[in-house]
Structures are given as structure tokens and as C-alpha cells.
């Protein structure tokens, strides 16, 4: 069985990320979100993501860190409006 425990988010994403991919994330607002994975996505340099979630967080936090903009990796964040 493959080891699915990684030392950090960057290692978990190694070889998986590419521009234009679709990502789905869980959580509720800013609770239970994959914070370290969101930061690793933002810092990876991948662009053009479509991010699907029941809640996109707020500007500058949670999935809001991926919204289109200067450092945003997402080109689309469909779903409810952010607070």
C-alpha cells in the first residue's frame, strides 16, 4: 500500500498540479478548510484554476487567497459570494 502521509503540503502536491485544473475543497467558511494546501496552491505558481466550494471564504483568507488577482491562482471561483 502506498504511503499517503507527506511531510508538508508541497510534497503532497508534487507532480500533481498543472495550469487550468479543477480543484474542489471542503470546509465551512474559515472552519475546517485545508489552510496549508490552499497556501501551497497559491505559492505553487499554478494558474487558471477553477475552484469549487460551498463557501469561498473571505478576501485575503481561506479560498479567497486563490481568487483572481495579482497572486491568485484561480480564474474562476463559482459558488456563493464571499463575505
PDB file of N, CA and C in Angstrom:
ATOM      1  N   UNK A   1       0.838  -1.172   0.000  1.00  0.00           N
ATOM      2  CA  UNK A   1       0.000   0.000   0.000  1.00  0.00           C
ATOM      3  C   UNK A   1       0.891   1.247   0.000  1.00  0.00           C
ATOM      4  N   UNK A   2       0.523   2.243  -0.783  1.00  0.00           N
ATOM      5  CA  UNK A   2       1.303   3.472  -0.886  1.00  0.00           C
ATOM      6  C   UNK A   2       1.183   4.291   0.393  1.00  0.00           C
ATOM      7  N   UNK A   3       2.276   4.926   0.757  1.00  0.00           N
ATOM      8  CA  UNK A   3       2.270   5.826   1.904  1.00  0.00           C
ATOM      9  C   UNK A   3       1.605   7.134   1.494  1.00  0.00           C
ATOM     10  N   UNK A   4       0.550   7.510   2.189  1.00  0.00           N
ATOM     11  CA  UNK A   4      -0.167   8.739   1.863  1.00  0.00           C
ATOM     12  C   UNK A   4       0.057   9.821   2.901  1.00  0.00           C
ATOM     13  N   UNK A   5       1.087   9.677   3.708  1.00  0.00           N
ATOM     14  CA  UNK A   5       1.440  10.693   4.689  1.00  0.00           C
ATOM     15  C   UNK A   5       2.635  11.454   4.141  1.00  0.00           C
ATOM     16  N   UNK A   6       2.504  12.778   4.049  1.00  0.00           N
ATOM     17  CA  UNK A   6       3.545  13.617   3.471  1.00  0.00           C
ATOM     18  C   UNK A   6       4.061  14.591   4.518  1.00  0.00           C
ATOM     19  N   UNK A   7       5.310  15.016   4.405  1.00  0.00           N
ATOM     20  CA  UNK A   7       5.878  15.920   5.407  1.00  0.00           C
ATOM     21  C   UNK A   7       5.284  17.328   5.355  1.00  0.00           C
ATOM     22  N   UNK A   8       4.769  17.739   4.196  1.00  0.00           N
ATOM     23  CA  UNK A   8       4.170  19.067   4.067  1.00  0.00           C
ATOM     24  C   UNK A   8       3.283  19.113   2.828  1.00  0.00           C
ATOM     25  N   UNK A   9       2.562  20.219   2.667  1.00  0.00           N
ATOM     26  CA  UNK A   9       1.608  20.355   1.561  1.00  0.00           C
ATOM     27  C   UNK A   9       2.309  20.340   0.206  1.00  0.00           C
ATOM     28  N   UNK A  10       3.480  20.942   0.123  1.00  0.00           N
ATOM     29  CA  UNK A  10       4.206  20.977  -1.146  1.00  0.00           C
ATOM     30  C   UNK A  10       4.555  19.570  -1.607  1.00  0.00           C
ATOM     31  N   UNK A  11       4.963  18.731  -0.677  1.00  0.00           N
ATOM     32  CA  UNK A  11       5.292  17.346  -1.017  1.00  0.00           C
ATOM     33  C   UNK A  11       4.038  16.582  -1.458  1.00  0.00           C
ATOM     34  N   UNK A  12       2.910  16.871  -0.832  1.00  0.00           N
ATOM     35  CA  UNK A  12       1.661  16.201  -1.205  1.00  0.00           C
ATOM     36  C   UNK A  12       1.245  16.554  -2.633  1.00  0.00           C
ATOM     37  N   UNK A  13       1.543  17.776  -3.065  1.00  0.00           N
ATOM     38  CA  UNK A  13       1.179  18.233  -4.405  1.00  0.00           C
ATOM     39  C   UNK A  13       2.215  17.895  -5.478  1.00  0.00           C
ATOM     40  N   UNK A  14       3.366  17.419  -5.083  1.00  0.00           N
ATOM     41  CA  UNK A  14       4.460  17.192  -6.027  1.00  0.00           C
ATOM     42  C   UNK A  14       4.009  16.358  -7.229  1.00  0.00           C
ATOM     43  N   UNK A  15       4.176  16.923  -8.431  1.00  0.00           N
ATOM     44  CA  UNK A  15       3.853  16.230  -9.664  1.00  0.00           C
ATOM     45  C   UNK A  15       2.374  16.182 -10.020  1.00  0.00           C
ATOM     46  N   UNK A  16       1.516  16.808  -9.218  1.00  0.00           N
ATOM     47  CA  UNK A  16       0.074  16.745  -9.457  1.00  0.00           C
ATOM     48  C   UNK A  16      -0.518  18.010 -10.062  1.00  0.00           C
ATOM     49  N   UNK A  17       0.060  19.159  -9.769  1.00  0.00           N
ATOM     50  CA  UNK A  17      -0.545  20.431 -10.163  1.00  0.00           C
ATOM     51  C   UNK A  17      -0.216  20.824 -11.596  1.00  0.00           C
ATOM     52  N   UNK A  18      -1.201  21.412 -12.281  1.00  0.00           N
ATOM     53  CA  UNK A  18      -0.968  21.969 -13.613  1.00  0.00           C
ATOM     54  C   UNK A  18      -1.965  23.090 -13.855  1.00  0.00           C
ATOM     55  N   UNK A  19      -1.613  24.010 -14.716  1.00  0.00           N
ATOM     56  CA  UNK A  19      -2.489  25.130 -15.042  1.00  0.00           C
ATOM     57  C   UNK A  19      -3.819  24.631 -15.581  1.00  0.00           C
ATOM     58  N   UNK A  20      -4.898  25.323 -15.218  1.00  0.00           N
ATOM     59  CA  UNK A  20      -6.214  25.026 -15.742  1.00  0.00           C
ATOM     60  C   UNK A  20      -6.957  23.893 -15.074  1.00  0.00           C
ATOM     61  N   UNK A  21      -6.416  23.321 -14.016  1.00  0.00           N
ATOM     62  CA  UNK A  21      -7.093  22.190 -13.389  1.00  0.00           C
ATOM     63  C   UNK A  21      -8.254  22.646 -12.511  1.00  0.00           C
ATOM     64  N   UNK A  22      -9.114  21.714 -12.160  1.00  0.00           N
ATOM     65  CA  UNK A  22     -10.259  21.972 -11.306  1.00  0.00           C
ATOM     66  C   UNK A  22      -9.983  21.385  -9.928  1.00  0.00           C
ATOM     67  N   UNK A  23     -10.225  22.194  -8.896  1.00  0.00           N
ATOM     68  CA  UNK A  23      -9.979  21.792  -7.510  1.00  0.00           C
ATOM     69  C   UNK A  23     -11.291  21.909  -6.745  1.00  0.00           C
ATOM     70  N   UNK A  24     -11.593  20.935  -5.902  1.00  0.00           N
ATOM     71  CA  UNK A  24     -12.762  21.025  -5.034  1.00  0.00           C
ATOM     72  C   UNK A  24     -12.280  20.980  -3.592  1.00  0.00           C
ATOM     73  N   UNK A  25     -12.783  21.917  -2.773  1.00  0.00           N
ATOM     74  CA  UNK A  25     -12.342  21.983  -1.387  1.00  0.00           C
ATOM     75  C   UNK A  25     -13.539  22.036  -0.451  1.00  0.00           C
ATOM     76  N   UNK A  26     -13.406  21.391   0.682  1.00  0.00           N
ATOM     77  CA  UNK A  26     -14.453  21.397   1.692  1.00  0.00           C
ATOM     78  C   UNK A  26     -14.206  22.446   2.748  1.00  0.00           C
ATOM     79  N   UNK A  27     -14.985  22.382   3.783  1.00  0.00           N
ATOM     80  CA  UNK A  27     -14.896  23.344   4.869  1.00  0.00           C
ATOM     81  C   UNK A  27     -16.166  24.155   4.954  1.00  0.00           C
ATOM     82  N   UNK A  28     -16.245  24.975   5.971  1.00  0.00           N
ATOM     83  CA  UNK A  28     -17.401  25.842   6.157  1.00  0.00           C
ATOM     84  C   UNK A  28     -16.880  27.207   6.559  1.00  0.00           C
ATOM     85  N   UNK A  29     -16.961  28.162   5.625  1.00  0.00           N
ATOM     86  CA  UNK A  29     -16.389  29.475   5.904  1.00  0.00           C
ATOM     87  C   UNK A  29     -14.891  29.330   6.074  1.00  0.00           C
ATOM     88  N   UNK A  30     -14.405  29.708   7.235  1.00  0.00           N
ATOM     89  CA  UNK A  30     -12.972  29.572   7.526  1.00  0.00           C
ATOM     90  C   UNK A  30     -12.702  28.429   8.497  1.00  0.00           C
ATOM     91  N   UNK A  31     -13.707  27.592   8.763  1.00  0.00           N
ATOM     92  CA  UNK A  31     -13.542  26.454   9.667  1.00  0.00           C
ATOM     93  C   UNK A  31     -13.394  25.167   8.866  1.00  0.00           C
ATOM     94  N   UNK A  32     -12.443  24.352   9.231  1.00  0.00           N
ATOM     95  CA  UNK A  32     -12.285  23.056   8.591  1.00  0.00           C
ATOM     96  C   UNK A  32     -11.763  23.108   7.170  1.00  0.00           C
ATOM     97  N   UNK A  33     -11.178  24.240   6.780  1.00  0.00           N
ATOM     98  CA  UNK A  33     -10.633  24.350   5.422  1.00  0.00           C
ATOM     99  C   UNK A  33      -9.200  23.827   5.392  1.00  0.00           C
ATOM    100  N   UNK A  34      -8.739  23.386   4.239  1.00  0.00           N
ATOM    101  CA  UNK A  34      -7.363  22.889   4.121  1.00  0.00           C
ATOM    102  C   UNK A  34      -6.377  24.058   3.972  1.00  0.00           C
ATOM    103  N   UNK A  35      -6.124  24.775   5.070  1.00  0.00           N
ATOM    104  CA  UNK A  35      -5.318  26.001   5.036  1.00  0.00           C
ATOM    105  C   UNK A  35      -3.945  25.819   4.404  1.00  0.00           C
ATOM    106  N   UNK A  36      -3.226  24.805   4.821  1.00  0.00           N
ATOM    107  CA  UNK A  36      -1.865  24.611   4.306  1.00  0.00           C
ATOM    108  C   UNK A  36      -1.877  24.239   2.828  1.00  0.00           C
ATOM    109  N   UNK A  37      -2.881  23.482   2.398  1.00  0.00           N
ATOM    110  CA  UNK A  37      -2.995  23.143   0.980  1.00  0.00           C
ATOM    111  C   UNK A  37      -3.357  24.373   0.139  1.00  0.00           C
ATOM    112  N   UNK A  38      -4.209  25.243   0.667  1.00  0.00           N
ATOM    113  CA  UNK A  38      -4.567  26.480  -0.042  1.00  0.00           C
ATOM    114  C   UNK A  38      -3.331  27.350  -0.219  1.00  0.00           C
ATOM    115  N   UNK A  39      -2.534  27.499   0.829  1.00  0.00           N
ATOM    116  CA  UNK A  39      -1.308  28.301   0.735  1.00  0.00           C
ATOM    117  C   UNK A  39      -0.322  27.680  -0.251  1.00  0.00           C
ATOM    118  N   UNK A  40      -0.199  26.350  -0.227  1.00  0.00           N
ATOM    119  CA  UNK A  40       0.714  25.680  -1.160  1.00  0.00           C
ATOM    120  C   UNK A  40       0.244  25.856  -2.598  1.00  0.00           C
ATOM    121  N   UNK A  41      -1.069  25.814  -2.841  1.00  0.00           N
ATOM    122  CA  UNK A  41      -1.609  26.062  -4.176  1.00  0.00           C
ATOM    123  C   UNK A  41      -1.264  27.469  -4.631  1.00  0.00           C
ATOM    124  N   UNK A  42      -1.505  28.444  -3.755  1.00  0.00           N
ATOM    125  CA  UNK A  42      -1.219  29.832  -4.095  1.00  0.00           C
ATOM    126  C   UNK A  42       0.256  30.031  -4.432  1.00  0.00           C
ATOM    127  N   UNK A  43       1.122  29.426  -3.648  1.00  0.00           N
ATOM    128  CA  UNK A  43       2.558  29.625  -3.807  1.00  0.00           C
ATOM    129  C   UNK A  43       3.180  28.758  -4.904  1.00  0.00           C
ATOM    130  N   UNK A  44       2.420  27.810  -5.435  1.00  0.00           N
ATOM    131  CA  UNK A  44       2.970  26.882  -6.433  1.00  0.00           C
ATOM    132  C   UNK A  44       3.212  27.525  -7.797  1.00  0.00           C
ATOM    133  N   UNK A  45       2.505  28.621  -8.076  1.00  0.00           N
ATOM    134  CA  UNK A  45       2.638  29.265  -9.381  1.00  0.00           C
ATOM    135  C   UNK A  45       1.638  28.763 -10.401  1.00  0.00           C
ATOM    136  N   UNK A  46       0.819  27.764 -10.039  1.00  0.00           N
ATOM    137  CA  UNK A  46      -0.195  27.257 -10.962  1.00  0.00           C
ATOM    138  C   UNK A  46      -1.239  28.356 -11.190  1.00  0.00           C
ATOM    139  N   UNK A  47      -1.758  28.436 -12.415  1.00  0.00           N
ATOM    140  CA  UNK A  47      -2.718  29.492 -12.781  1.00  0.00           C
ATOM    141  C   UNK A  47      -3.937  28.888 -13.458  1.00  0.00           C
ATOM    142  N   UNK A  48      -4.995  29.669 -13.534  1.00  0.00           N
ATOM    143  CA  UNK A  48      -6.185  29.271 -14.271  1.00  0.00           C
ATOM    144  C   UNK A  48      -7.014  28.192 -13.622  1.00  0.00           C
ATOM    145  N   UNK A  49      -6.935  28.064 -12.299  1.00  0.00           N
ATOM    146  CA  UNK A  49      -7.704  27.040 -11.606  1.00  0.00           C
ATOM    147  C   UNK A  49      -9.187  27.384 -11.590  1.00  0.00           C
ATOM    148  N   UNK A  50     -10.025  26.368 -11.636  1.00  0.00           N
ATOM    149  CA  UNK A  50     -11.435  26.507 -11.295  1.00  0.00           C
ATOM    150  C   UNK A  50     -11.572  25.863  -9.928  1.00  0.00           C
ATOM    151  N   UNK A  51     -11.989  26.663  -8.937  1.00  0.00           N
ATOM    152  CA  UNK A  51     -12.088  26.176  -7.567  1.00  0.00           C
ATOM    153  C   UNK A  51     -13.555  26.053  -7.194  1.00  0.00           C
ATOM    154  N   UNK A  52     -13.961  24.870  -6.779  1.00  0.00           N
ATOM    155  CA  UNK A  52     -15.343  24.595  -6.415  1.00  0.00           C
ATOM    156  C   UNK A  52     -15.419  24.410  -4.906  1.00  0.00           C
ATOM    157  N   UNK A  53     -16.337  25.135  -4.280  1.00  0.00           N
ATOM    158  CA  UNK A  53     -16.523  25.023  -2.841  1.00  0.00           C
ATOM    159  C   UNK A  53     -17.908  25.521  -2.474  1.00  0.00           C
ATOM    160  N   UNK A  54     -18.411  25.070  -1.343  1.00  0.00           N
ATOM    161  CA  UNK A  54     -19.696  25.579  -0.886  1.00  0.00           C
ATOM    162  C   UNK A  54     -19.546  26.971  -0.278  1.00  0.00           C
ATOM    163  N   UNK A  55     -18.314  27.404  -0.032  1.00  0.00           N
ATOM    164  CA  UNK A  55     -18.073  28.716   0.549  1.00  0.00           C
ATOM    165  C   UNK A  55     -16.650  29.126   0.201  1.00  0.00           C
ATOM    166  N   UNK A  56     -16.494  30.267  -0.418  1.00  0.00           N
ATOM    167  CA  UNK A  56     -15.169  30.698  -0.868  1.00  0.00           C
ATOM    168  C   UNK A  56     -14.429  31.537   0.163  1.00  0.00           C
ATOM    169  N   UNK A  57     -14.885  31.549   1.405  1.00  0.00           N
ATOM    170  CA  UNK A  57     -14.188  32.284   2.445  1.00  0.00           C
ATOM    171  C   UNK A  57     -14.359  33.779   2.290  1.00  0.00           C
ATOM    172  N   UNK A  58     -13.311  34.526   2.619  1.00  0.00           N
ATOM    173  CA  UNK A  58     -13.338  35.979   2.536  1.00  0.00           C
ATOM    174  C   UNK A  58     -12.100  36.461   1.791  1.00  0.00           C
ATOM    175  N   UNK A  59     -12.117  37.713   1.363  1.00  0.00           N
ATOM    176  CA  UNK A  59     -10.946  38.270   0.691  1.00  0.00           C
ATOM    177  C   UNK A  59      -9.730  38.168   1.598  1.00  0.00           C
ATOM    178  N   UNK A  60      -8.664  37.594   1.092  1.00  0.00           N
ATOM    179  CA  UNK A  60      -7.415  37.507   1.838  1.00  0.00           C
ATOM    180  C   UNK A  60      -7.324  36.376   2.834  1.00  0.00           C
ATOM    181  N   UNK A  61      -8.318  35.483   2.876  1.00  0.00           N
ATOM    182  CA  UNK A  61      -8.267  34.346   3.801  1.00  0.00           C
ATOM    183  C   UNK A  61      -8.996  33.163   3.188  1.00  0.00           C
ATOM    184  N   UNK A  62      -8.597  31.964   3.567  1.00  0.00           N
ATOM    185  CA  UNK A  62      -9.235  30.762   3.027  1.00  0.00           C
ATOM    186  C   UNK A  62      -9.087  30.703   1.518  1.00  0.00           C
ATOM    187  N   UNK A  63     -10.127  30.249   0.840  1.00  0.00           N
ATOM    188  CA  UNK A  63     -10.076  30.159  -0.614  1.00  0.00           C
ATOM    189  C   UNK A  63     -10.006  31.530  -1.270  1.00  0.00           C
ATOM    190  N   UNK A  64     -10.324  32.574  -0.516  1.00  0.00           N
ATOM    191  CA  UNK A  64     -10.169  33.928  -1.022  1.00  0.00           C
ATOM    192  C   UNK A  64      -8.732  34.248  -1.415  1.00  0.00           C
ATOM    193  N   UNK A  65      -7.772  33.497  -0.880  1.00  0.00           N
ATOM    194  CA  UNK A  65      -6.364  33.681  -1.253  1.00  0.00           C
ATOM    195  C   UNK A  65      -6.094  33.267  -2.694  1.00  0.00           C
ATOM    196  N   UNK A  66      -6.990  32.460  -3.261  1.00  0.00           N
ATOM    197  CA  UNK A  66      -6.797  31.976  -4.628  1.00  0.00           C
ATOM    198  C   UNK A  66      -7.568  32.790  -5.657  1.00  0.00           C
ATOM    199  N   UNK A  67      -8.374  33.754  -5.203  1.00  0.00           N
ATOM    200  CA  UNK A  67      -9.216  34.475  -6.154  1.00  0.00           C
ATOM    201  C   UNK A  67      -8.380  35.216  -7.184  1.00  0.00           C
ATOM    202  N   UNK A  68      -8.969  35.427  -8.358  1.00  0.00           N
ATOM    203  CA  UNK A  68      -8.222  36.096  -9.433  1.00  0.00           C
ATOM    204  C   UNK A  68      -7.661  37.431  -8.965  1.00  0.00           C
ATOM    205  N   UNK A  69      -6.453  37.690  -9.331  1.00  0.00           N
ATOM    206  CA  UNK A  69      -5.789  38.925  -8.931  1.00  0.00           C
ATOM    207  C   UNK A  69      -4.299  38.795  -9.096  1.00  0.00           C
ATOM    208  N   UNK A  70      -3.593  39.630  -8.390  1.00  0.00           N
ATOM    209  CA  UNK A  70      -2.141  39.681  -8.535  1.00  0.00           C
ATOM    210  C   UNK A  70      -1.457  38.347  -8.299  1.00  0.00           C
ATOM    211  N   UNK A  71      -1.782  37.647  -7.199  1.00  0.00           N
ATOM    212  CA  UNK A  71      -1.166  36.356  -6.893  1.00  0.00           C
ATOM    213  C   UNK A  71      -2.146  35.206  -6.983  1.00  0.00           C
ATOM    214  N   UNK A  72      -3.390  35.501  -7.351  1.00  0.00           N
ATOM    215  CA  UNK A  72      -4.426  34.470  -7.356  1.00  0.00           C
ATOM    216  C   UNK A  72      -4.179  33.391  -8.384  1.00  0.00           C
ATOM    217  N   UNK A  73      -4.370  32.166  -7.965  1.00  0.00           N
ATOM    218  CA  UNK A  73      -4.173  31.025  -8.857  1.00  0.00           C
ATOM    219  C   UNK A  73      -5.443  30.696  -9.628  1.00  0.00           C
ATOM    220  N   UNK A  74      -6.589  31.145  -9.111  1.00  0.00           N
ATOM    221  CA  UNK A  74      -7.870  30.774  -9.713  1.00  0.00           C
ATOM    222  C   UNK A  74      -8.284  31.757 -10.790  1.00  0.00           C
ATOM    223  N   UNK A  75      -8.874  31.228 -11.831  1.00  0.00           N
ATOM    224  CA  UNK A  75      -9.501  32.095 -12.813  1.00  0.00           C
ATOM    225  C   UNK A  75     -11.000  32.124 -12.571  1.00  0.00           C
ATOM    226  N   UNK A  76     -11.505  31.116 -11.854  1.00  0.00           N
ATOM    227  CA  UNK A  76     -12.937  31.051 -11.535  1.00  0.00           C
ATOM    228  C   UNK A  76     -13.133  30.508 -10.129  1.00  0.00           C
ATOM    229  N   UNK A  77     -14.026  31.154  -9.391  1.00  0.00           N
ATOM    230  CA  UNK A  77     -14.455  30.669  -8.074  1.00  0.00           C
ATOM    231  C   UNK A  77     -15.976  30.647  -8.067  1.00  0.00           C
ATOM    232  N   UNK A  78     -16.577  29.698  -8.786  1.00  0.00           N
ATOM    233  CA  UNK A  78     -18.039  29.675  -8.812  1.00  0.00           C
ATOM    234  C   UNK A  78     -18.601  29.327  -7.442  1.00  0.00           C
ATOM    235  N   UNK A  79     -19.786  29.769  -7.169  1.00  0.00           N
ATOM    236  CA  UNK A  79     -20.429  29.449  -5.902  1.00  0.00           C
ATOM    237  C   UNK A  79     -20.942  30.703  -5.242  1.00  0.00           C
ATOM    238  N   UNK A  80     -21.283  30.587  -3.967  1.00  0.00           N
ATOM    239  CA  UNK A  80     -21.849  31.729  -3.254  1.00  0.00           C
ATOM    240  C   UNK A  80     -20.850  32.884  -3.158  1.00  0.00           C
ATOM    241  N   UNK A  81     -21.371  34.053  -2.962  1.00  0.00           N
ATOM    242  CA  UNK A  81     -20.491  35.221  -2.802  1.00  0.00           C
ATOM    243  C   UNK A  81     -19.697  35.117  -1.528  1.00  0.00           C
ATOM    244  N   UNK A  82     -18.536  35.738  -1.532  1.00  0.00           N
ATOM    245  CA  UNK A  82     -17.708  35.778  -0.338  1.00  0.00           C
ATOM    246  C   UNK A  82     -18.200  36.876   0.585  1.00  0.00           C
ATOM    247  N   UNK A  83     -17.946  36.690   1.876  1.00  0.00           N
ATOM    248  CA  UNK A  83     -18.345  37.692   2.878  1.00  0.00           C
ATOM    249  C   UNK A  83     -17.484  38.925   2.764  1.00  0.00           C
TER     250      UNK A  83
END
